[in-house]
Amino acid sequence: MIDAQSQSGRDASHLNCPRCGLSFEPRTHWLTVKYCPRCLARAHAVVEMFSSQLPASVLYAEDSFPQGDAAA
């Protein structure tokens, strides 16, 4: 039996790189990578990717950061 929620993609997670901002959604679980392929190829840097329900464009949007107190 196939889970309907996994077919719709609502539970899919994005892999995000904190260094270069690469974000992608693996089509299957076995395509999941541990280290950022862009950082490995370009900078020869080993950077571990993290999983999130949101893509990098939403995670790092300017309006998503907490605002500091203006009175300070």
PDB file of N, CA and C in Angstrom:
ATOM      1  N   MET A   1       0.841  -1.176   0.000  1.00  0.00           N
ATOM      2  CA  MET A   1       0.000   0.000   0.000  1.00  0.00           C
ATOM      3  C   MET A   1       0.893   1.249   0.000  1.00  0.00           C
ATOM      4  N   ILE A   2       0.546   2.245  -0.792  1.00  0.00           N
ATOM      5  CA  ILE A   2       1.314   3.478  -0.908  1.00  0.00           C
ATOM      6  C   ILE A   2       0.655   4.556  -0.064  1.00  0.00           C
ATOM      7  N   ASP A   3       1.438   5.233   0.716  1.00  0.00           N
ATOM      8  CA  ASP A   3       0.935   6.314   1.560  1.00  0.00           C
ATOM      9  C   ASP A   3       0.549   7.503   0.685  1.00  0.00           C
ATOM     10  N   ALA A   4      -0.684   7.988   0.830  1.00  0.00           N
ATOM     11  CA  ALA A   4      -1.168   9.098   0.005  1.00  0.00           C
ATOM     12  C   ALA A   4      -0.417  10.389   0.284  1.00  0.00           C
ATOM     13  N   GLN A   5       0.001  10.595   1.541  1.00  0.00           N
ATOM     14  CA  GLN A   5       0.706  11.831   1.874  1.00  0.00           C
ATOM     15  C   GLN A   5       2.058  11.885   1.182  1.00  0.00           C
ATOM     16  N   SER A   6       2.780  10.751   1.089  1.00  0.00           N
ATOM     17  CA  SER A   6       4.064  10.788   0.411  1.00  0.00           C
ATOM     18  C   SER A   6       3.901  10.961  -1.090  1.00  0.00           C
ATOM     19  N   GLN A   7       2.795  10.503  -1.658  1.00  0.00           N
ATOM     20  CA  GLN A   7       2.562  10.702  -3.081  1.00  0.00           C
ATOM     21  C   GLN A   7       2.289  12.166  -3.401  1.00  0.00           C
ATOM     22  N   SER A   8       1.627  12.881  -2.498  1.00  0.00           N
ATOM     23  CA  SER A   8       1.307  14.286  -2.769  1.00  0.00           C
ATOM     24  C   SER A   8       2.514  15.193  -2.598  1.00  0.00           C
ATOM     25  N   GLY A   9       3.538  14.747  -1.883  1.00  0.00           N
ATOM     26  CA  GLY A   9       4.742  15.543  -1.702  1.00  0.00           C
ATOM     27  C   GLY A   9       4.685  16.477  -0.524  1.00  0.00           C
ATOM     28  N   ARG A  10       3.622  16.425   0.277  1.00  0.00           N
ATOM     29  CA  ARG A  10       3.494  17.352   1.402  1.00  0.00           C
ATOM     30  C   ARG A  10       4.496  17.070   2.506  1.00  0.00           C
ATOM     31  N   ASP A  11       4.960  15.836   2.624  1.00  0.00           N
ATOM     32  CA  ASP A  11       5.913  15.512   3.675  1.00  0.00           C
ATOM     33  C   ASP A  11       7.355  15.530   3.170  1.00  0.00           C
ATOM     34  N   ALA A  12       7.563  15.953   1.942  1.00  0.00           N
ATOM     35  CA  ALA A  12       8.891  15.970   1.358  1.00  0.00           C
ATOM     36  C   ALA A  12       9.765  17.003   2.054  1.00  0.00           C
ATOM     37  N   SER A  13      11.035  16.675   2.211  1.00  0.00           N
ATOM     38  CA  SER A  13      11.938  17.628   2.851  1.00  0.00           C
ATOM     39  C   SER A  13      12.992  18.093   1.853  1.00  0.00           C
ATOM     40  N   HIS A  14      13.444  19.298   2.060  1.00  0.00           N
ATOM     41  CA  HIS A  14      14.486  19.891   1.235  1.00  0.00           C
ATOM     42  C   HIS A  14      15.819  19.713   1.939  1.00  0.00           C
ATOM     43  N   LEU A  15      16.865  19.501   1.158  1.00  0.00           N
ATOM     44  CA  LEU A  15      18.220  19.486   1.696  1.00  0.00           C
ATOM     45  C   LEU A  15      18.818  20.846   1.401  1.00  0.00           C
ATOM     46  N   ASN A  16      19.383  21.478   2.426  1.00  0.00           N
ATOM     47  CA  ASN A  16      19.914  22.837   2.307  1.00  0.00           C
ATOM     48  C   ASN A  16      21.359  22.875   2.757  1.00  0.00           C
ATOM     49  N   CYS A  17      22.155  23.675   2.054  1.00  0.00           N
ATOM     50  CA  CYS A  17      23.550  23.881   2.430  1.00  0.00           C
ATOM     51  C   CYS A  17      23.666  25.240   3.121  1.00  0.00           C
ATOM     52  N   PRO A  18      24.184  25.276   4.344  1.00  0.00           N
ATOM     53  CA  PRO A  18      24.320  26.553   5.040  1.00  0.00           C
ATOM     54  C   PRO A  18      25.425  27.443   4.471  1.00  0.00           C
ATOM     55  N   ARG A  19      26.348  26.877   3.705  1.00  0.00           N
ATOM     56  CA  ARG A  19      27.478  27.649   3.179  1.00  0.00           C
ATOM     57  C   ARG A  19      27.157  28.345   1.861  1.00  0.00           C
ATOM     58  N   CYS A  20      26.651  27.586   0.884  1.00  0.00           N
ATOM     59  CA  CYS A  20      26.435  28.168  -0.451  1.00  0.00           C
ATOM     60  C   CYS A  20      24.964  28.410  -0.766  1.00  0.00           C
ATOM     61  N   GLY A  21      24.059  27.882   0.039  1.00  0.00           N
ATOM     62  CA  GLY A  21      22.644  28.116  -0.171  1.00  0.00           C
ATOM     63  C   GLY A  21      21.975  27.155  -1.134  1.00  0.00           C
ATOM     64  N   LEU A  22      22.690  26.118  -1.571  1.00  0.00           N
ATOM     65  CA  LEU A  22      22.083  25.124  -2.451  1.00  0.00           C
ATOM     66  C   LEU A  22      20.924  24.463  -1.732  1.00  0.00           C
ATOM     67  N   SER A  23      19.814  24.321  -2.432  1.00  0.00           N
ATOM     68  CA  SER A  23      18.634  23.685  -1.863  1.00  0.00           C
ATOM     69  C   SER A  23      17.998  22.815  -2.932  1.00  0.00           C
ATOM     70  N   PHE A  24      17.705  21.575  -2.589  1.00  0.00           N
ATOM     71  CA  PHE A  24      17.013  20.707  -3.525  1.00  0.00           C
ATOM     72  C   PHE A  24      16.190  19.685  -2.766  1.00  0.00           C
ATOM     73  N   GLU A  25      15.246  19.107  -3.469  1.00  0.00           N
ATOM     74  CA  GLU A  25      14.355  18.110  -2.895  1.00  0.00           C
ATOM     75  C   GLU A  25      14.651  16.787  -3.594  1.00  0.00           C
ATOM     76  N   PRO A  26      15.257  15.830  -2.893  1.00  0.00           N
ATOM     77  CA  PRO A  26      15.538  14.537  -3.527  1.00  0.00           C
ATOM     78  C   PRO A  26      14.239  13.846  -3.952  1.00  0.00           C
ATOM     79  N   ARG A  27      14.242  13.276  -5.125  1.00  0.00           N
ATOM     80  CA  ARG A  27      13.038  12.616  -5.629  1.00  0.00           C
ATOM     81  C   ARG A  27      12.750  11.322  -4.885  1.00  0.00           C
ATOM     82  N   THR A  28      13.778  10.647  -4.441  1.00  0.00           N
ATOM     83  CA  THR A  28      13.611   9.425  -3.646  1.00  0.00           C
ATOM     84  C   THR A  28      14.576   9.483  -2.474  1.00  0.00           C
ATOM     85  N   HIS A  29      14.309   8.689  -1.459  1.00  0.00           N
ATOM     86  CA  HIS A  29      15.143   8.735  -0.251  1.00  0.00           C
ATOM     87  C   HIS A  29      16.577   8.286  -0.514  1.00  0.00           C
ATOM     88  N   TRP A  30      16.793   7.427  -1.493  1.00  0.00           N
ATOM     89  CA  TRP A  30      18.157   6.953  -1.739  1.00  0.00           C
ATOM     90  C   TRP A  30      19.006   7.967  -2.498  1.00  0.00           C
ATOM     91  N   LEU A  31      18.404   9.056  -2.982  1.00  0.00           N
ATOM     92  CA  LEU A  31      19.174  10.128  -3.614  1.00  0.00           C
ATOM     93  C   LEU A  31      19.665  11.167  -2.611  1.00  0.00           C
ATOM     94  N   THR A  32      19.315  10.993  -1.352  1.00  0.00           N
ATOM     95  CA  THR A  32      19.730  11.925  -0.311  1.00  0.00           C
ATOM     96  C   THR A  32      21.252  11.892  -0.156  1.00  0.00           C
ATOM     97  N   VAL A  33      21.858  13.066  -0.121  1.00  0.00           N
ATOM     98  CA  VAL A  33      23.308  13.167   0.059  1.00  0.00           C
ATOM     99  C   VAL A  33      23.593  13.789   1.417  1.00  0.00           C
ATOM    100  N   LYS A  34      24.752  13.482   1.971  1.00  0.00           N
ATOM    101  CA  LYS A  34      25.113  14.008   3.287  1.00  0.00           C
ATOM    102  C   LYS A  34      25.879  15.328   3.172  1.00  0.00           C
ATOM    103  N   TYR A  35      26.703  15.437   2.143  1.00  0.00           N
ATOM    104  CA  TYR A  35      27.543  16.624   1.978  1.00  0.00           C
ATOM    105  C   TYR A  35      27.150  17.377   0.719  1.00  0.00           C
ATOM    106  N   CYS A  36      27.317  18.671   0.740  1.00  0.00           N
ATOM    107  CA  CYS A  36      26.927  19.530  -0.368  1.00  0.00           C
ATOM    108  C   CYS A  36      27.801  19.254  -1.601  1.00  0.00           C
ATOM    109  N   PRO A  37      27.196  18.843  -2.714  1.00  0.00           N
ATOM    110  CA  PRO A  37      27.995  18.565  -3.913  1.00  0.00           C
ATOM    111  C   PRO A  37      28.599  19.821  -4.530  1.00  0.00           C
ATOM    112  N   ARG A  38      27.949  20.968  -4.391  1.00  0.00           N
ATOM    113  CA  ARG A  38      28.471  22.209  -4.949  1.00  0.00           C
ATOM    114  C   ARG A  38      29.724  22.657  -4.204  1.00  0.00           C
ATOM    115  N   CYS A  39      29.693  22.608  -2.872  1.00  0.00           N
ATOM    116  CA  CYS A  39      30.857  23.010  -2.085  1.00  0.00           C
ATOM    117  C   CYS A  39      32.024  22.037  -2.292  1.00  0.00           C
ATOM    118  N   LEU A  40      31.702  20.751  -2.420  1.00  0.00           N
ATOM    119  CA  LEU A  40      32.757  19.766  -2.683  1.00  0.00           C
ATOM    120  C   LEU A  40      33.436  20.034  -4.025  1.00  0.00           C
ATOM    121  N   ALA A  41      32.645  20.322  -5.048  1.00  0.00           N
ATOM    122  CA  ALA A  41      33.190  20.510  -6.390  1.00  0.00           C
ATOM    123  C   ALA A  41      33.920  21.840  -6.553  1.00  0.00           C
ATOM    124  N   ARG A  42      33.345  22.914  -6.058  1.00  0.00           N
ATOM    125  CA  ARG A  42      33.915  24.245  -6.302  1.00  0.00           C
ATOM    126  C   ARG A  42      34.984  24.656  -5.311  1.00  0.00           C
ATOM    127  N   ALA A  43      34.737  24.414  -4.023  1.00  0.00           N
ATOM    128  CA  ALA A  43      35.654  24.920  -2.996  1.00  0.00           C
ATOM    129  C   ALA A  43      36.429  23.810  -2.291  1.00  0.00           C
ATOM    130  N   HIS A  44      36.173  22.572  -2.685  1.00  0.00           N
ATOM    131  CA  HIS A  44      36.811  21.422  -2.022  1.00  0.00           C
ATOM    132  C   HIS A  44      36.581  21.478  -0.517  1.00  0.00           C
ATOM    133  N   ALA A  45      35.377  21.908  -0.133  1.00  0.00           N
ATOM    134  CA  ALA A  45      35.005  22.020   1.276  1.00  0.00           C
ATOM    135  C   ALA A  45      33.923  20.989   1.586  1.00  0.00           C
ATOM    136  N   VAL A  46      34.080  20.319   2.715  1.00  0.00           N
ATOM    137  CA  VAL A  46      33.095  19.334   3.153  1.00  0.00           C
ATOM    138  C   VAL A  46      32.115  20.043   4.078  1.00  0.00           C
ATOM    139  N   VAL A  47      30.893  20.255   3.578  1.00  0.00           N
ATOM    140  CA  VAL A  47      29.856  20.953   4.327  1.00  0.00           C
ATOM    141  C   VAL A  47      28.646  20.026   4.412  1.00  0.00           C
ATOM    142  N   GLU A  48      28.233  19.727   5.638  1.00  0.00           N
ATOM    143  CA  GLU A  48      27.097  18.838   5.822  1.00  0.00           C
ATOM    144  C   GLU A  48      25.789  19.587   5.567  1.00  0.00           C
ATOM    145  N   MET A  49      24.924  18.971   4.776  1.00  0.00           N
ATOM    146  CA  MET A  49      23.633  19.572   4.463  1.00  0.00           C
ATOM    147  C   MET A  49      22.660  19.271   5.591  1.00  0.00           C
ATOM    148  N   PHE A  50      21.650  20.133   5.751  1.00  0.00           N
ATOM    149  CA  PHE A  50      20.624  19.884   6.757  1.00  0.00           C
ATOM    150  C   PHE A  50      19.271  19.781   6.076  1.00  0.00           C
ATOM    151  N   SER A  51      18.380  19.055   6.715  1.00  0.00           N
ATOM    152  CA  SER A  51      17.058  18.804   6.167  1.00  0.00           C
ATOM    153  C   SER A  51      16.051  19.783   6.762  1.00  0.00           C
ATOM    154  N   SER A  52      15.143  20.262   5.916  1.00  0.00           N
ATOM    155  CA  SER A  52      14.116  21.204   6.353  1.00  0.00           C
ATOM    156  C   SER A  52      12.873  20.998   5.503  1.00  0.00           C
ATOM    157  N   GLN A  53      11.733  21.357   6.038  1.00  0.00           N
ATOM    158  CA  GLN A  53      10.495  21.305   5.267  1.00  0.00           C
ATOM    159  C   GLN A  53      10.406  22.476   4.301  1.00  0.00           C
ATOM    160  N   LEU A  54      11.263  23.488   4.470  1.00  0.00           N
ATOM    161  CA  LEU A  54      11.236  24.685   3.637  1.00  0.00           C
ATOM    162  C   LEU A  54      12.470  24.750   2.743  1.00  0.00           C
ATOM    163  N   PRO A  55      12.347  25.282   1.535  1.00  0.00           N
ATOM    164  CA  PRO A  55      13.522  25.496   0.687  1.00  0.00           C
ATOM    165  C   PRO A  55      14.345  26.674   1.205  1.00  0.00           C
ATOM    166  N   ALA A  56      15.559  26.802   0.756  1.00  0.00           N
ATOM    167  CA  ALA A  56      16.461  27.858   1.222  1.00  0.00           C
ATOM    168  C   ALA A  56      15.915  29.248   0.933  1.00  0.00           C
ATOM    169  N   SER A  57      15.205  29.426  -0.168  1.00  0.00           N
ATOM    170  CA  SER A  57      14.675  30.754  -0.501  1.00  0.00           C
ATOM    171  C   SER A  57      13.693  31.248   0.560  1.00  0.00           C
ATOM    172  N   VAL A  58      12.977  30.347   1.200  1.00  0.00           N
ATOM    173  CA  VAL A  58      12.047  30.733   2.259  1.00  0.00           C
ATOM    174  C   VAL A  58      12.778  30.839   3.595  1.00  0.00           C
ATOM    175  N   LEU A  59      13.705  29.929   3.847  1.00  0.00           N
ATOM    176  CA  LEU A  59      14.456  29.944   5.111  1.00  0.00           C
ATOM    177  C   LEU A  59      15.262  31.223   5.284  1.00  0.00           C
ATOM    178  N   TYR A  60      15.890  31.690   4.214  1.00  0.00           N
ATOM    179  CA  TYR A  60      16.794  32.826   4.302  1.00  0.00           C
ATOM    180  C   TYR A  60      16.202  34.111   3.736  1.00  0.00           C
ATOM    181  N   ALA A  61      14.887  34.179   3.590  1.00  0.00           N
ATOM    182  CA  ALA A  61      14.237  35.395   3.099  1.00  0.00           C
ATOM    183  C   ALA A  61      14.422  36.515   4.119  1.00  0.00           C
ATOM    184  N   GLU A  62      14.573  37.745   3.640  1.00  0.00           N
ATOM    185  CA  GLU A  62      14.837  38.885   4.530  1.00  0.00           C
ATOM    186  C   GLU A  62      13.736  39.098   5.546  1.00  0.00           C
ATOM    187  N   ASP A  63      12.495  38.871   5.165  1.00  0.00           N
ATOM    188  CA  ASP A  63      11.394  39.089   6.100  1.00  0.00           C
ATOM    189  C   ASP A  63      11.193  37.937   7.093  1.00  0.00           C
ATOM    190  N   SER A  64      12.003  36.877   6.985  1.00  0.00           N
ATOM    191  CA  SER A  64      11.846  35.750   7.901  1.00  0.00           C
ATOM    192  C   SER A  64      12.757  35.844   9.120  1.00  0.00           C
ATOM    193  N   PHE A  65      13.705  36.791   9.108  1.00  0.00           N
ATOM    194  CA  PHE A  65      14.610  36.946  10.249  1.00  0.00           C
ATOM    195  C   PHE A  65      13.920  37.731  11.363  1.00  0.00           C
ATOM    196  N   PRO A  66      14.216  37.430  12.615  1.00  0.00           N
ATOM    197  CA  PRO A  66      13.623  38.211  13.716  1.00  0.00           C
ATOM    198  C   PRO A  66      14.116  39.649  13.668  1.00  0.00           C
ATOM    199  N   GLN A  67      13.230  40.573  13.975  1.00  0.00           N
ATOM    200  CA  GLN A  67      13.568  41.992  13.965  1.00  0.00           C
ATOM    201  C   GLN A  67      14.074  42.412  15.335  1.00  0.00           C
ATOM    202  N   GLY A  68      15.105  43.227  15.375  1.00  0.00           N
ATOM    203  CA  GLY A  68      15.646  43.743  16.632  1.00  0.00           C
ATOM    204  C   GLY A  68      14.772  44.865  17.162  1.00  0.00           C
ATOM    205  N   ASP A  69      14.951  45.190  18.434  1.00  0.00           N
ATOM    206  CA  ASP A  69      14.189  46.291  19.040  1.00  0.00           C
ATOM    207  C   ASP A  69      14.692  47.620  18.483  1.00  0.00           C
ATOM    208  N   ALA A  70      13.771  48.463  18.073  1.00  0.00           N
ATOM    209  CA  ALA A  70      14.118  49.780  17.541  1.00  0.00           C
ATOM    210  C   ALA A  70      14.447  50.756  18.663  1.00  0.00           C
ATOM    211  N   ALA A  71      14.006  50.458  19.889  1.00  0.00           N
ATOM    212  CA  ALA A  71      14.214  51.353  21.026  1.00  0.00           C
ATOM    213  C   ALA A  71      15.630  51.243  21.590  1.00  0.00           C
ATOM    214  N   ALA A  72      16.341  50.211  21.232  1.00  0.00           N
ATOM    215  CA  ALA A  72      17.661  49.994  21.803  1.00  0.00           C
ATOM    216  C   ALA A  72      18.719  50.879  21.226  1.00  0.00           C
TER     217      ALA A  72
END
